[in-house]
Amino acid sequence: MPNTRSARKRVRQAERNRLRNKMYKTRIKTAIRRLEEALTGGDPTAIQEALRRAVSAIDRAAVRGAIHRNTAARKKSRLMQRLKKLGVVA
């Protein structure tokens, strides 16, 4: 248990930040899952829209500090590699 006022405040801040970071990470996972669902559907416009949303969610999380910028770059790179392999993205 925290003993000082500042330590108690840090506990509150850490919990608030943990929940915020969790929200951003969940948004990334959902966006990637929807992109994968669009890929199984095969509609090119739906795939492009899902890709745009996934990249946006990843970038937003990186800017907010929920994930490291290198992690964001790696996730985007792997998505692009998969799409390129399937011939969806040039």
Protein backbone atom coordinates (compact mmCIF):
# COMPACT_ATOMS: atom_id res chain seq x y z
CA MET A 1 0.00 0.00 0.00
CA PRO A 2 1.25 3.52 -0.73
CA ASN A 3 2.32 5.47 2.32
CA THR A 4 2.51 9.02 1.02
CA ARG A 5 0.00 11.29 -0.70
CA SER A 6 2.12 11.39 -3.85
CA ALA A 7 2.33 7.59 -3.92
CA ARG A 8 -1.45 7.32 -3.59
CA LYS A 9 -1.83 9.78 -6.45
CA ARG A 10 0.61 7.76 -8.61
CA VAL A 11 -1.50 4.64 -7.96
CA ARG A 12 -4.61 6.46 -9.18
CA GLN A 13 -2.80 7.81 -12.24
CA ALA A 14 -1.30 4.42 -13.08
CA GLU A 15 -4.72 2.76 -12.97
CA ARG A 16 -6.25 5.47 -15.15
CA ASN A 17 -3.41 5.17 -17.67
CA ARG A 18 -3.63 1.36 -17.64
CA LEU A 19 -7.31 1.49 -18.56
CA ARG A 20 -6.67 4.08 -21.29
CA ASN A 21 -3.83 2.01 -22.78
CA LYS A 22 -6.01 -1.10 -22.63
CA MET A 23 -8.69 0.73 -24.61
CA TYR A 24 -6.24 1.68 -27.37
CA LYS A 25 -4.79 -1.83 -27.56
CA THR A 26 -8.27 -3.33 -27.76
CA ARG A 27 -9.13 -0.96 -30.61
CA ILE A 28 -6.05 -2.16 -32.50
CA LYS A 29 -6.97 -5.82 -32.04
CA THR A 30 -10.55 -5.18 -33.14
CA ALA A 31 -9.44 -3.24 -36.23
CA ILE A 32 -7.04 -5.99 -37.25
CA ARG A 33 -9.70 -8.64 -36.70
CA ARG A 34 -12.15 -6.68 -38.89
CA LEU A 35 -9.47 -6.40 -41.57
CA GLU A 36 -9.04 -10.18 -41.51
CA GLU A 37 -12.81 -10.59 -41.78
CA ALA A 38 -12.85 -8.23 -44.77
CA LEU A 39 -10.10 -10.29 -46.38
CA THR A 40 -12.22 -13.43 -46.13
CA GLY A 41 -15.13 -11.49 -47.63
CA GLY A 42 -13.03 -10.47 -50.63
CA ASP A 43 -14.61 -7.04 -51.24
CA PRO A 44 -11.74 -4.69 -52.25
CA THR A 45 -13.42 -1.53 -50.97
CA ALA A 46 -14.17 -3.15 -47.61
CA ILE A 47 -10.55 -4.32 -47.39
CA GLN A 48 -9.20 -0.85 -48.12
CA GLU A 49 -11.53 0.71 -45.55
CA ALA A 50 -10.61 -1.88 -42.91
CA LEU A 51 -6.92 -1.36 -43.66
CA ARG A 52 -7.28 2.40 -43.30
CA ARG A 53 -9.03 1.97 -39.95
CA ALA A 54 -6.45 -0.52 -38.68
CA VAL A 55 -3.49 1.69 -39.60
CA SER A 56 -5.25 4.67 -38.05
CA ALA A 57 -5.87 2.80 -34.79
CA ILE A 58 -2.25 1.66 -34.65
CA ASP A 59 -0.92 5.16 -35.32
CA ARG A 60 -3.25 6.71 -32.76
CA ALA A 61 -2.12 4.26 -30.07
CA ALA A 62 1.52 4.99 -30.85
CA VAL A 63 1.03 8.75 -30.70
CA ARG A 64 -0.79 8.43 -27.37
CA GLY A 65 2.00 6.25 -25.97
CA ALA A 66 -0.08 3.11 -25.47
CA ILE A 67 2.37 1.21 -27.67
CA HIS A 68 5.93 2.00 -28.74
CA ARG A 69 6.38 3.58 -32.17
CA ASN A 70 8.55 0.65 -33.30
CA THR A 71 5.78 -1.75 -32.28
CA ALA A 72 3.33 0.29 -34.36
CA ALA A 73 5.68 0.23 -37.35
CA ARG A 74 6.15 -3.53 -37.00
CA LYS A 75 2.40 -4.17 -36.82
CA LYS A 76 1.73 -2.02 -39.89
CA SER A 77 4.59 -3.64 -41.78
CA ARG A 78 3.31 -7.13 -41.06
CA LEU A 79 -0.20 -6.17 -42.14
CA MET A 80 1.14 -4.76 -45.42
CA GLN A 81 3.26 -7.87 -46.02
CA ARG A 82 0.21 -10.10 -45.58
CA LEU A 83 -1.91 -7.96 -47.89
CA LYS A 84 0.82 -7.79 -50.51
CA LYS A 85 1.25 -11.57 -50.36
CA LEU A 86 -2.48 -11.97 -51.05
CA GLY A 87 -2.21 -9.45 -53.91
CA VAL A 88 -4.60 -6.96 -52.32
CA VAL A 89 -2.14 -4.06 -51.99
CA ALA A 90 0.33 -3.14 -54.71
